[in-house]
Amino acid sequence: MKNQITHCSVALCLAAGLLTIAPAQSRPRAVPTLTSEDVNAASEPGETAAPAKGKFAKPAAQTAAAPAQSKDESDWNDRLSKAQEKAAGLERRADSVELEIARLRNQLFDPTPKDAGAGNEISARMTQLSRQLQSLREEAKQAQAEVEALKQEGKEKQYRLTEGSAKLPDGSPNLSYFQSRQAELAQELRDADQRMEVIQLRINDLNTRIRKNSGGVDEKGRTSNTSDAFAIRRLKTALQEEQKKLEEIQKKKAETTRKLEELRRQAINAGIRPGDLN
């Protein structure tokens, strides 16, 4: 009887234990799920996962090259270049005509004997050139106004000037760039020399006229006692203006010379022989 009671107790304990464990085993186990993001994040064998987009991603602007000029900006550069060439060409022609007039004037007043009609022919030619000079100066003024207007347009629209490159895409020196830039600077120096000659002739003429109106000597060296205070003031004002122009063009020439020398140094350092620039 005692053994039966013992066996029943053990059986009851085992049954109680099984009842306790069963609910825990019967609870459903959580199964991990895959979202579309998890699927997209997974990489196929042999492929590299795309970089995540976020605050640590490098902006496209930092990896891409500088954007090319727009059509409007390119057209503006073309219009500005042509306007500058036109203005410079008109000034060059006007200076040449003014120098020719000065040469003819010296020839007219040269004491060397001339043929009977030579003086009249020179005077007629000077009159013709004077009209041409006036027209060229007016055209040059209008052309320069167009240049200034285009520069203002570029400033307002924040356009960039097109500049040539000293190097080719492969890193080698761009001979064409150095040659064209040297030719451009050389022309600027020639224009500056011609302009300085014109201004110096004007200064000489004004000084002569001031002396004549101050009781100095006339163009033939004869003493002159005439004096016109108003005319003298006007001539001296014009003289100061021309002297200021001369100083400005001298500074411009010095700066152009510096640019030309620097360009040649850059070409030599890039491996271009001096003779190849010509």
C-alpha atoms as a PDB file:
ATOM      1  CA  MET A   1       0.000   0.000   0.000  1.00  0.00           C
ATOM      2  CA  LYS A   2       2.837   2.291   0.899  1.00  0.00           C
ATOM      3  CA  ASN A   3       4.524   1.612  -2.466  1.00  0.00           C
ATOM      4  CA  GLN A   4       1.334   2.418  -4.346  1.00  0.00           C
ATOM      5  CA  ILE A   5       1.046   5.757  -2.576  1.00  0.00           C
ATOM      6  CA  THR A   6       4.685   6.578  -3.466  1.00  0.00           C
ATOM      7  CA  HIS A   7       4.142   5.723  -7.158  1.00  0.00           C
ATOM      8  CA  CYS A   8       1.048   7.905  -7.277  1.00  0.00           C
ATOM      9  CA  SER A   9       2.923  10.869  -5.815  1.00  0.00           C
ATOM     10  CA  VAL A  10       5.647  10.604  -8.402  1.00  0.00           C
ATOM     11  CA  ALA A  11       3.112  10.350 -11.178  1.00  0.00           C
ATOM     12  CA  LEU A  12       1.299  13.420  -9.954  1.00  0.00           C
ATOM     13  CA  CYS A  13       4.546  15.411  -9.807  1.00  0.00           C
ATOM     14  CA  LEU A  14       5.490  14.425 -13.369  1.00  0.00           C
ATOM     15  CA  ALA A  15       2.051  15.345 -14.635  1.00  0.00           C
ATOM     16  CA  ALA A  16       2.254  18.739 -12.933  1.00  0.00           C
ATOM     17  CA  GLY A  17       5.652  19.338 -14.510  1.00  0.00           C
ATOM     18  CA  LEU A  18       4.392  18.471 -17.923  1.00  0.00           C
ATOM     19  CA  LEU A  19       1.453  20.809 -17.525  1.00  0.00           C
ATOM     20  CA  THR A  20       3.835  23.619 -16.577  1.00  0.00           C
ATOM     21  CA  ILE A  21       6.166  23.080 -19.569  1.00  0.00           C
ATOM     22  CA  ALA A  22       3.489  22.559 -22.167  1.00  0.00           C
ATOM     23  CA  PRO A  23       2.151  26.162 -22.308  1.00  0.00           C
ATOM     24  CA  ALA A  24       5.670  27.496 -22.781  1.00  0.00           C
ATOM     25  CA  GLN A  25       6.329  25.129 -25.671  1.00  0.00           C
ATOM     26  CA  SER A  26       2.996  25.854 -27.243  1.00  0.00           C
ATOM     27  CA  ARG A  27       3.659  29.640 -27.585  1.00  0.00           C
ATOM     28  CA  PRO A  28       4.380  30.544 -31.282  1.00  0.00           C
ATOM     29  CA  ARG A  29       8.023  31.498 -31.896  1.00  0.00           C
ATOM     30  CA  ALA A  30       8.590  34.943 -33.573  1.00  0.00           C
ATOM     31  CA  VAL A  31       9.774  34.533 -37.153  1.00  0.00           C
ATOM     32  CA  PRO A  32      12.047  37.306 -38.596  1.00  0.00           C
ATOM     33  CA  THR A  33      10.636  38.987 -41.680  1.00  0.00           C
ATOM     34  CA  LEU A  34      12.389  40.723 -44.616  1.00  0.00           C
ATOM     35  CA  THR A  35      11.316  44.188 -45.726  1.00  0.00           C
ATOM     36  CA  SER A  36      11.781  45.605 -49.230  1.00  0.00           C
ATOM     37  CA  GLU A  37      14.613  47.778 -47.855  1.00  0.00           C
ATOM     38  CA  ASP A  38      16.364  44.677 -46.530  1.00  0.00           C
ATOM     39  CA  VAL A  39      16.027  43.024 -49.902  1.00  0.00           C
ATOM     40  CA  ASN A  40      17.362  46.066 -51.764  1.00  0.00           C
ATOM     41  CA  ALA A  41      20.248  46.384 -49.343  1.00  0.00           C
ATOM     42  CA  ALA A  42      21.386  42.820 -50.074  1.00  0.00           C
ATOM     43  CA  SER A  43      23.993  42.511 -52.811  1.00  0.00           C
ATOM     44  CA  GLU A  44      24.233  39.790 -55.364  1.00  0.00           C
ATOM     45  CA  PRO A  45      27.482  37.849 -55.422  1.00  0.00           C
ATOM     46  CA  GLY A  46      30.188  39.830 -57.214  1.00  0.00           C
ATOM     47  CA  GLU A  47      28.300  43.143 -56.992  1.00  0.00           C
ATOM     48  CA  THR A  48      29.009  46.165 -54.816  1.00  0.00           C
ATOM     49  CA  ALA A  49      26.177  47.637 -52.795  1.00  0.00           C
ATOM     50  CA  ALA A  50      25.167  51.156 -53.728  1.00  0.00           C
ATOM     51  CA  PRO A  51      26.248  53.825 -51.184  1.00  0.00           C
ATOM     52  CA  ALA A  52      23.548  54.912 -48.792  1.00  0.00           C
ATOM     53  CA  LYS A  53      22.011  58.315 -49.318  1.00  0.00           C
ATOM     54  CA  GLY A  54      22.205  60.589 -46.302  1.00  0.00           C
ATOM     55  CA  LYS A  55      24.036  63.510 -44.730  1.00  0.00           C
ATOM     56  CA  PHE A  56      27.353  61.724 -45.131  1.00  0.00           C
ATOM     57  CA  ALA A  57      26.922  61.113 -48.862  1.00  0.00           C
ATOM     58  CA  LYS A  58      29.186  63.303 -51.024  1.00  0.00           C
ATOM     59  CA  PRO A  59      27.198  65.897 -52.995  1.00  0.00           C
ATOM     60  CA  ALA A  60      27.214  65.498 -56.764  1.00  0.00           C
ATOM     61  CA  ALA A  61      28.556  69.041 -57.137  1.00  0.00           C
ATOM     62  CA  GLN A  62      31.787  67.998 -55.427  1.00  0.00           C
ATOM     63  CA  THR A  63      32.385  65.012 -57.659  1.00  0.00           C
ATOM     64  CA  ALA A  64      31.326  66.475 -60.993  1.00  0.00           C
ATOM     65  CA  ALA A  65      33.484  68.805 -63.078  1.00  0.00           C
ATOM     66  CA  ALA A  66      32.625  72.489 -63.380  1.00  0.00           C
ATOM     67  CA  PRO A  67      29.575  72.919 -65.619  1.00  0.00           C
ATOM     68  CA  ALA A  68      30.210  74.009 -69.178  1.00  0.00           C
ATOM     69  CA  GLN A  69      29.165  77.456 -70.284  1.00  0.00           C
ATOM     70  CA  SER A  70      25.565  77.843 -71.314  1.00  0.00           C
ATOM     71  CA  LYS A  71      24.675  78.855 -74.855  1.00  0.00           C
ATOM     72  CA  ASP A  72      23.727  82.358 -73.685  1.00  0.00           C
ATOM     73  CA  GLU A  73      27.047  82.751 -71.878  1.00  0.00           C
ATOM     74  CA  SER A  74      28.974  81.450 -74.883  1.00  0.00           C
ATOM     75  CA  ASP A  75      27.101  83.823 -77.212  1.00  0.00           C
ATOM     76  CA  TRP A  76      27.870  86.718 -74.873  1.00  0.00           C
ATOM     77  CA  ASN A  77      31.586  85.886 -74.958  1.00  0.00           C
ATOM     78  CA  ASP A  78      31.468  85.811 -78.749  1.00  0.00           C
ATOM     79  CA  ARG A  79      29.675  89.176 -78.955  1.00  0.00           C
ATOM     80  CA  LEU A  80      32.082  90.777 -76.484  1.00  0.00           C
ATOM     81  CA  SER A  81      35.148  89.493 -78.329  1.00  0.00           C
ATOM     82  CA  LYS A  82      33.889  90.816 -81.664  1.00  0.00           C
ATOM     83  CA  ALA A  83      32.949  94.191 -80.151  1.00  0.00           C
ATOM     84  CA  GLN A  84      36.393  94.551 -78.590  1.00  0.00           C
ATOM     85  CA  GLU A  85      38.107  93.692 -81.867  1.00  0.00           C
ATOM     86  CA  LYS A  86      35.944  96.224 -83.700  1.00  0.00           C
ATOM     87  CA  ALA A  87      36.661  99.007 -81.208  1.00  0.00           C
ATOM     88  CA  ALA A  88      40.405  98.304 -81.200  1.00  0.00           C
ATOM     89  CA  GLY A  89      40.501  98.182 -85.014  1.00  0.00           C
ATOM     90  CA  LEU A  90      38.718 101.528 -85.347  1.00  0.00           C
ATOM     91  CA  GLU A  91      41.055 103.166 -82.836  1.00  0.00           C
ATOM     92  CA  ARG A  92      44.047 101.731 -84.689  1.00  0.00           C
ATOM     93  CA  ARG A  93      42.824 103.119 -88.018  1.00  0.00           C
ATOM     94  CA  ALA A  94      42.043 106.504 -86.483  1.00  0.00           C
ATOM     95  CA  ASP A  95      45.518 106.743 -84.955  1.00  0.00           C
ATOM     96  CA  SER A  96      47.098 105.868 -88.303  1.00  0.00           C
ATOM     97  CA  VAL A  97      45.105 108.601 -90.042  1.00  0.00           C
ATOM     98  CA  GLU A  98      46.043 111.158 -87.383  1.00  0.00           C
ATOM     99  CA  LEU A  99      49.727 110.298 -87.787  1.00  0.00           C
ATOM    100  CA  GLU A 100      49.408 110.684 -91.557  1.00  0.00           C
ATOM    101  CA  ILE A 101      47.847 114.128 -91.105  1.00  0.00           C
ATOM    102  CA  ALA A 102      50.752 115.132 -88.873  1.00  0.00           C
ATOM    103  CA  ARG A 103      53.232 113.889 -91.477  1.00  0.00           C
ATOM    104  CA  LEU A 104      51.505 115.879 -94.209  1.00  0.00           C
ATOM    105  CA  ARG A 105      51.426 118.980 -92.001  1.00  0.00           C
ATOM    106  CA  ASN A 106      55.161 118.759 -91.475  1.00  0.00           C
ATOM    107  CA  GLN A 107      55.599 118.307 -95.205  1.00  0.00           C
ATOM    108  CA  LEU A 108      53.392 121.314 -95.923  1.00  0.00           C
ATOM    109  CA  PHE A 109      55.352 123.616 -93.616  1.00  0.00           C
ATOM    110  CA  ASP A 110      58.728 122.225 -94.596  1.00  0.00           C
ATOM    111  CA  PRO A 111      60.813 125.103 -95.976  1.00  0.00           C
ATOM    112  CA  THR A 112      62.068 122.880 -98.768  1.00  0.00           C
ATOM    113  CA  PRO A 113      60.901 124.322-102.140  1.00  0.00           C
ATOM    114  CA  LYS A 114      57.891 122.541-103.663  1.00  0.00           C
ATOM    115  CA  ASP A 115      56.156 122.429-107.015  1.00  0.00           C
ATOM    116  CA  ALA A 116      53.477 125.022-107.680  1.00  0.00           C
ATOM    117  CA  GLY A 117      50.537 122.718-106.958  1.00  0.00           C
ATOM    118  CA  ALA A 118      52.157 120.487-104.347  1.00  0.00           C
ATOM    119  CA  GLY A 119      51.011 122.626-101.429  1.00  0.00           C
ATOM    120  CA  ASN A 120      47.409 122.621-102.623  1.00  0.00           C
ATOM    121  CA  GLU A 121      47.429 118.861-103.074  1.00  0.00           C
ATOM    122  CA  ILE A 122      48.765 118.358 -99.562  1.00  0.00           C
ATOM    123  CA  SER A 123      46.147 120.679 -98.110  1.00  0.00           C
ATOM    124  CA  ALA A 124      43.345 118.907 -99.981  1.00  0.00           C
ATOM    125  CA  ARG A 125      44.588 115.546 -98.795  1.00  0.00           C
ATOM    126  CA  MET A 126      44.767 116.797 -95.199  1.00  0.00           C
ATOM    127  CA  THR A 127      41.181 118.042 -95.411  1.00  0.00           C
ATOM    128  CA  GLN A 128      40.009 114.668 -96.720  1.00  0.00           C
ATOM    129  CA  LEU A 129      41.864 112.782 -93.990  1.00  0.00           C
ATOM    130  CA  SER A 130      40.543 115.121 -91.311  1.00  0.00           C
ATOM    131  CA  ARG A 131      36.966 114.251 -92.266  1.00  0.00           C
ATOM    132  CA  GLN A 132      37.864 110.562 -92.263  1.00  0.00           C
ATOM    133  CA  LEU A 133      39.502 110.916 -88.871  1.00  0.00           C
ATOM    134  CA  GLN A 134      36.419 112.538 -87.379  1.00  0.00           C
ATOM    135  CA  SER A 135      34.230 109.716 -88.689  1.00  0.00           C
ATOM    136  CA  LEU A 136      36.571 107.014 -87.378  1.00  0.00           C
ATOM    137  CA  ARG A 137      36.768 108.596 -83.928  1.00  0.00           C
ATOM    138  CA  GLU A 138      32.988 108.723 -83.723  1.00  0.00           C
ATOM    139  CA  GLU A 139      32.653 105.090 -84.821  1.00  0.00           C
ATOM    140  CA  ALA A 140      35.316 104.054 -82.318  1.00  0.00           C
ATOM    141  CA  LYS A 141      33.480 105.879 -79.555  1.00  0.00           C
ATOM    142  CA  GLN A 142      30.238 104.076 -80.376  1.00  0.00           C
ATOM    143  CA  ALA A 143      32.029 100.728 -80.589  1.00  0.00           C
ATOM    144  CA  GLN A 144      33.628 101.260 -77.178  1.00  0.00           C
ATOM    145  CA  ALA A 145      30.224 102.135 -75.722  1.00  0.00           C
ATOM    146  CA  GLU A 146      28.968  98.779 -77.021  1.00  0.00           C
ATOM    147  CA  VAL A 147      31.898  97.039 -75.324  1.00  0.00           C
ATOM    148  CA  GLU A 148      31.104  98.694 -72.007  1.00  0.00           C
ATOM    149  CA  ALA A 149      27.425  97.756 -72.333  1.00  0.00           C
ATOM    150  CA  LEU A 150      28.333  94.107 -72.944  1.00  0.00           C
ATOM    151  CA  LYS A 151      30.678  94.103 -69.945  1.00  0.00           C
ATOM    152  CA  GLN A 152      27.868  95.446 -67.788  1.00  0.00           C
ATOM    153  CA  GLU A 153      25.541  92.747 -69.122  1.00  0.00           C
ATOM    154  CA  GLY A 154      28.070  90.069 -68.232  1.00  0.00           C
ATOM    155  CA  LYS A 155      28.492  91.513 -64.753  1.00  0.00           C
ATOM    156  CA  GLU A 156      24.745  91.543 -64.102  1.00  0.00           C
ATOM    157  CA  LYS A 157      24.267  87.975 -65.377  1.00  0.00           C
ATOM    158  CA  GLN A 158      27.487  86.747 -63.742  1.00  0.00           C
ATOM    159  CA  TYR A 159      28.885  85.444 -67.014  1.00  0.00           C
ATOM    160  CA  ARG A 160      32.422  84.060 -67.118  1.00  0.00           C
ATOM    161  CA  LEU A 161      34.953  85.120 -69.713  1.00  0.00           C
ATOM    162  CA  THR A 162      36.154  82.323 -71.967  1.00  0.00           C
ATOM    163  CA  GLU A 163      39.840  81.736 -71.383  1.00  0.00           C
ATOM    164  CA  GLY A 164      42.101  79.453 -73.319  1.00  0.00           C
ATOM    165  CA  SER A 165      43.950  76.640 -71.578  1.00  0.00           C
ATOM    166  CA  ALA A 166      47.729  76.427 -71.388  1.00  0.00           C
ATOM    167  CA  LYS A 167      47.452  72.623 -71.331  1.00  0.00           C
ATOM    168  CA  LEU A 168      45.827  70.047 -73.564  1.00  0.00           C
ATOM    169  CA  PRO A 169      43.536  67.346 -72.117  1.00  0.00           C
ATOM    170  CA  ASP A 170      46.492  64.949 -71.919  1.00  0.00           C
ATOM    171  CA  GLY A 171      48.480  67.463 -69.832  1.00  0.00           C
ATOM    172  CA  SER A 172      50.922  68.484 -72.562  1.00  0.00           C
ATOM    173  CA  PRO A 173      51.511  72.208 -73.278  1.00  0.00           C
ATOM    174  CA  ASN A 174      49.002  73.876 -75.620  1.00  0.00           C
ATOM    175  CA  LEU A 175      51.254  75.547 -78.213  1.00  0.00           C
ATOM    176  CA  SER A 176      48.284  77.127 -80.003  1.00  0.00           C
ATOM    177  CA  TYR A 177      47.231  78.912 -76.804  1.00  0.00           C
ATOM    178  CA  PHE A 178      50.682  80.403 -76.227  1.00  0.00           C
ATOM    179  CA  GLN A 179      51.020  81.470 -79.859  1.00  0.00           C
ATOM    180  CA  SER A 180      47.632  83.201 -80.043  1.00  0.00           C
ATOM    181  CA  ARG A 181      48.067  84.870 -76.671  1.00  0.00           C
ATOM    182  CA  GLN A 182      51.524  86.144 -77.615  1.00  0.00           C
ATOM    183  CA  ALA A 183      50.206  87.552 -80.908  1.00  0.00           C
ATOM    184  CA  GLU A 184      47.392  89.301 -79.031  1.00  0.00           C
ATOM    185  CA  LEU A 185      49.763  90.924 -76.523  1.00  0.00           C
ATOM    186  CA  ALA A 186      52.222  91.899 -79.270  1.00  0.00           C
ATOM    187  CA  GLN A 187      49.404  93.703 -81.121  1.00  0.00           C
ATOM    188  CA  GLU A 188      48.457  95.516 -77.926  1.00  0.00           C
ATOM    189  CA  LEU A 189      52.058  96.741 -77.610  1.00  0.00           C
ATOM    190  CA  ARG A 190      52.070  98.019 -81.195  1.00  0.00           C
ATOM    191  CA  ASP A 191      48.774  99.807 -80.611  1.00  0.00           C
ATOM    192  CA  ALA A 192      50.165 101.355 -77.431  1.00  0.00           C
ATOM    193  CA  ASP A 193      53.277 102.619 -79.231  1.00  0.00           C
ATOM    194  CA  GLN A 194      51.169 104.178 -81.985  1.00  0.00           C
ATOM    195  CA  ARG A 195      48.809 105.753 -79.453  1.00  0.00           C
ATOM    196  CA  MET A 196      51.747 107.205 -77.510  1.00  0.00           C
ATOM    197  CA  GLU A 197      53.124 108.715 -80.714  1.00  0.00           C
ATOM    198  CA  VAL A 198      49.760 110.325 -81.483  1.00  0.00           C
ATOM    199  CA  ILE A 199      49.411 111.760 -77.991  1.00  0.00           C
ATOM    200  CA  GLN A 200      52.983 113.067 -78.007  1.00  0.00           C
ATOM    201  CA  LEU A 201      52.290 114.905 -81.279  1.00  0.00           C
ATOM    202  CA  ARG A 202      49.214 116.479 -79.696  1.00  0.00           C
ATOM    203  CA  ILE A 203      51.254 117.544 -76.681  1.00  0.00           C
ATOM    204  CA  ASN A 204      53.902 119.096 -78.912  1.00  0.00           C
ATOM    205  CA  ASP A 205      51.241 120.966 -80.890  1.00  0.00           C
ATOM    206  CA  LEU A 206      49.554 122.268 -77.737  1.00  0.00           C
ATOM    207  CA  ASN A 207      52.860 123.470 -76.301  1.00  0.00           C
ATOM    208  CA  THR A 208      53.556 125.331 -79.539  1.00  0.00           C
ATOM    209  CA  ARG A 209      50.137 126.970 -79.505  1.00  0.00           C
ATOM    210  CA  ILE A 210      50.536 127.951 -75.850  1.00  0.00           C
ATOM    211  CA  ARG A 211      53.853 129.617 -76.626  1.00  0.00           C
ATOM    212  CA  LYS A 212      52.287 131.492 -79.537  1.00  0.00           C
ATOM    213  CA  ASN A 213      49.465 132.779 -77.336  1.00  0.00           C
ATOM    214  CA  SER A 214      51.884 133.662 -74.529  1.00  0.00           C
ATOM    215  CA  GLY A 215      54.054 136.007 -76.521  1.00  0.00           C
ATOM    216  CA  GLY A 216      56.502 133.287 -77.505  1.00  0.00           C
ATOM    217  CA  VAL A 217      57.508 132.424 -81.031  1.00  0.00           C
ATOM    218  CA  ASP A 218      55.416 131.287 -83.974  1.00  0.00           C
ATOM    219  CA  GLU A 219      55.966 128.231 -86.121  1.00  0.00           C
ATOM    220  CA  LYS A 220      58.592 130.094 -88.141  1.00  0.00           C
ATOM    221  CA  GLY A 221      60.575 131.124 -85.086  1.00  0.00           C
ATOM    222  CA  ARG A 222      59.461 134.737 -85.129  1.00  0.00           C
ATOM    223  CA  THR A 223      58.736 136.553 -81.864  1.00  0.00           C
ATOM    224  CA  SER A 224      55.052 136.884 -81.067  1.00  0.00           C
ATOM    225  CA  ASN A 225      53.695 139.429 -78.599  1.00  0.00           C
ATOM    226  CA  THR A 226      50.069 138.252 -78.737  1.00  0.00           C
ATOM    227  CA  SER A 227      48.512 137.002 -75.507  1.00  0.00           C
ATOM    228  CA  ASP A 228      45.064 135.552 -74.938  1.00  0.00           C
ATOM    229  CA  ALA A 229      44.441 134.484 -71.326  1.00  0.00           C
ATOM    230  CA  PHE A 230      41.253 132.566 -72.136  1.00  0.00           C
ATOM    231  CA  ALA A 231      42.871 130.706 -75.003  1.00  0.00           C
ATOM    232  CA  ILE A 232      45.887 129.875 -72.859  1.00  0.00           C
ATOM    233  CA  ARG A 233      43.724 128.402 -70.084  1.00  0.00           C
ATOM    234  CA  ARG A 234      41.821 126.323 -72.608  1.00  0.00           C
ATOM    235  CA  LEU A 235      45.026 125.063 -74.215  1.00  0.00           C
ATOM    236  CA  LYS A 236      46.611 124.241 -70.862  1.00  0.00           C
ATOM    237  CA  THR A 237      43.534 122.260 -69.834  1.00  0.00           C
ATOM    238  CA  ALA A 238      43.741 120.286 -73.073  1.00  0.00           C
ATOM    239  CA  LEU A 239      47.466 119.784 -72.463  1.00  0.00           C
ATOM    240  CA  GLN A 240      46.839 118.347 -69.007  1.00  0.00           C
ATOM    241  CA  GLU A 241      44.273 115.939 -70.427  1.00  0.00           C
ATOM    242  CA  GLU A 242      46.672 114.697 -73.069  1.00  0.00           C
ATOM    243  CA  GLN A 243      49.463 114.316 -70.530  1.00  0.00           C
ATOM    244  CA  LYS A 244      47.121 112.230 -68.369  1.00  0.00           C
ATOM    245  CA  LYS A 245      46.273 110.050 -71.377  1.00  0.00           C
ATOM    246  CA  LEU A 246      49.980 109.593 -72.060  1.00  0.00           C
ATOM    247  CA  GLU A 247      50.613 108.450 -68.493  1.00  0.00           C
ATOM    248  CA  GLU A 248      47.722 105.985 -68.689  1.00  0.00           C
ATOM    249  CA  ILE A 249      48.886 104.446 -71.955  1.00  0.00           C
ATOM    250  CA  GLN A 250      52.443 104.210 -70.602  1.00  0.00           C
ATOM    251  CA  LYS A 251      51.151 102.249 -67.605  1.00  0.00           C
ATOM    252  CA  LYS A 252      49.092 100.046 -69.903  1.00  0.00           C
ATOM    253  CA  LYS A 253      52.109  99.351 -72.069  1.00  0.00           C
ATOM    254  CA  ALA A 254      54.212  98.449 -69.032  1.00  0.00           C
ATOM    255  CA  GLU A 255      51.519  96.040 -67.834  1.00  0.00           C
ATOM    256  CA  THR A 256      51.202  94.467 -71.293  1.00  0.00           C
ATOM    257  CA  THR A 257      54.979  94.042 -71.440  1.00  0.00           C
ATOM    258  CA  ARG A 258      54.911  92.315 -68.048  1.00  0.00           C
ATOM    259  CA  LYS A 259      52.140  89.953 -69.231  1.00  0.00           C
ATOM    260  CA  LEU A 260      54.089  89.114 -72.386  1.00  0.00           C
ATOM    261  CA  GLU A 261      57.260  88.326 -70.447  1.00  0.00           C
ATOM    262  CA  GLU A 262      55.308  86.185 -67.982  1.00  0.00           C
ATOM    263  CA  LEU A 263      53.638  84.296 -70.856  1.00  0.00           C
ATOM    264  CA  ARG A 264      57.013  83.497 -72.385  1.00  0.00           C
ATOM    265  CA  ARG A 265      58.330  82.259 -69.041  1.00  0.00           C
ATOM    266  CA  GLN A 266      55.307  79.996 -68.667  1.00  0.00           C
ATOM    267  CA  ALA A 267      55.844  78.615 -72.164  1.00  0.00           C
ATOM    268  CA  ILE A 268      59.502  77.845 -71.485  1.00  0.00           C
ATOM    269  CA  ASN A 269      58.673  76.211 -68.150  1.00  0.00           C
ATOM    270  CA  ALA A 270      56.058  74.117 -69.964  1.00  0.00           C
ATOM    271  CA  GLY A 271      58.756  72.828 -72.332  1.00  0.00           C
ATOM    272  CA  ILE A 272      58.044  75.022 -75.359  1.00  0.00           C
ATOM    273  CA  ARG A 273      61.052  76.396 -77.197  1.00  0.00           C
ATOM    274  CA  PRO A 274      61.081  80.205 -77.674  1.00  0.00           C
ATOM    275  CA  GLY A 275      61.339  79.809 -81.429  1.00  0.00           C
ATOM    276  CA  ASP A 276      58.123  77.778 -81.549  1.00  0.00           C
ATOM    277  CA  LEU A 277      56.075  80.723 -80.264  1.00  0.00           C
ATOM    278  CA  ASN A 278      56.589  82.728 -83.447  1.00  0.00           C
END
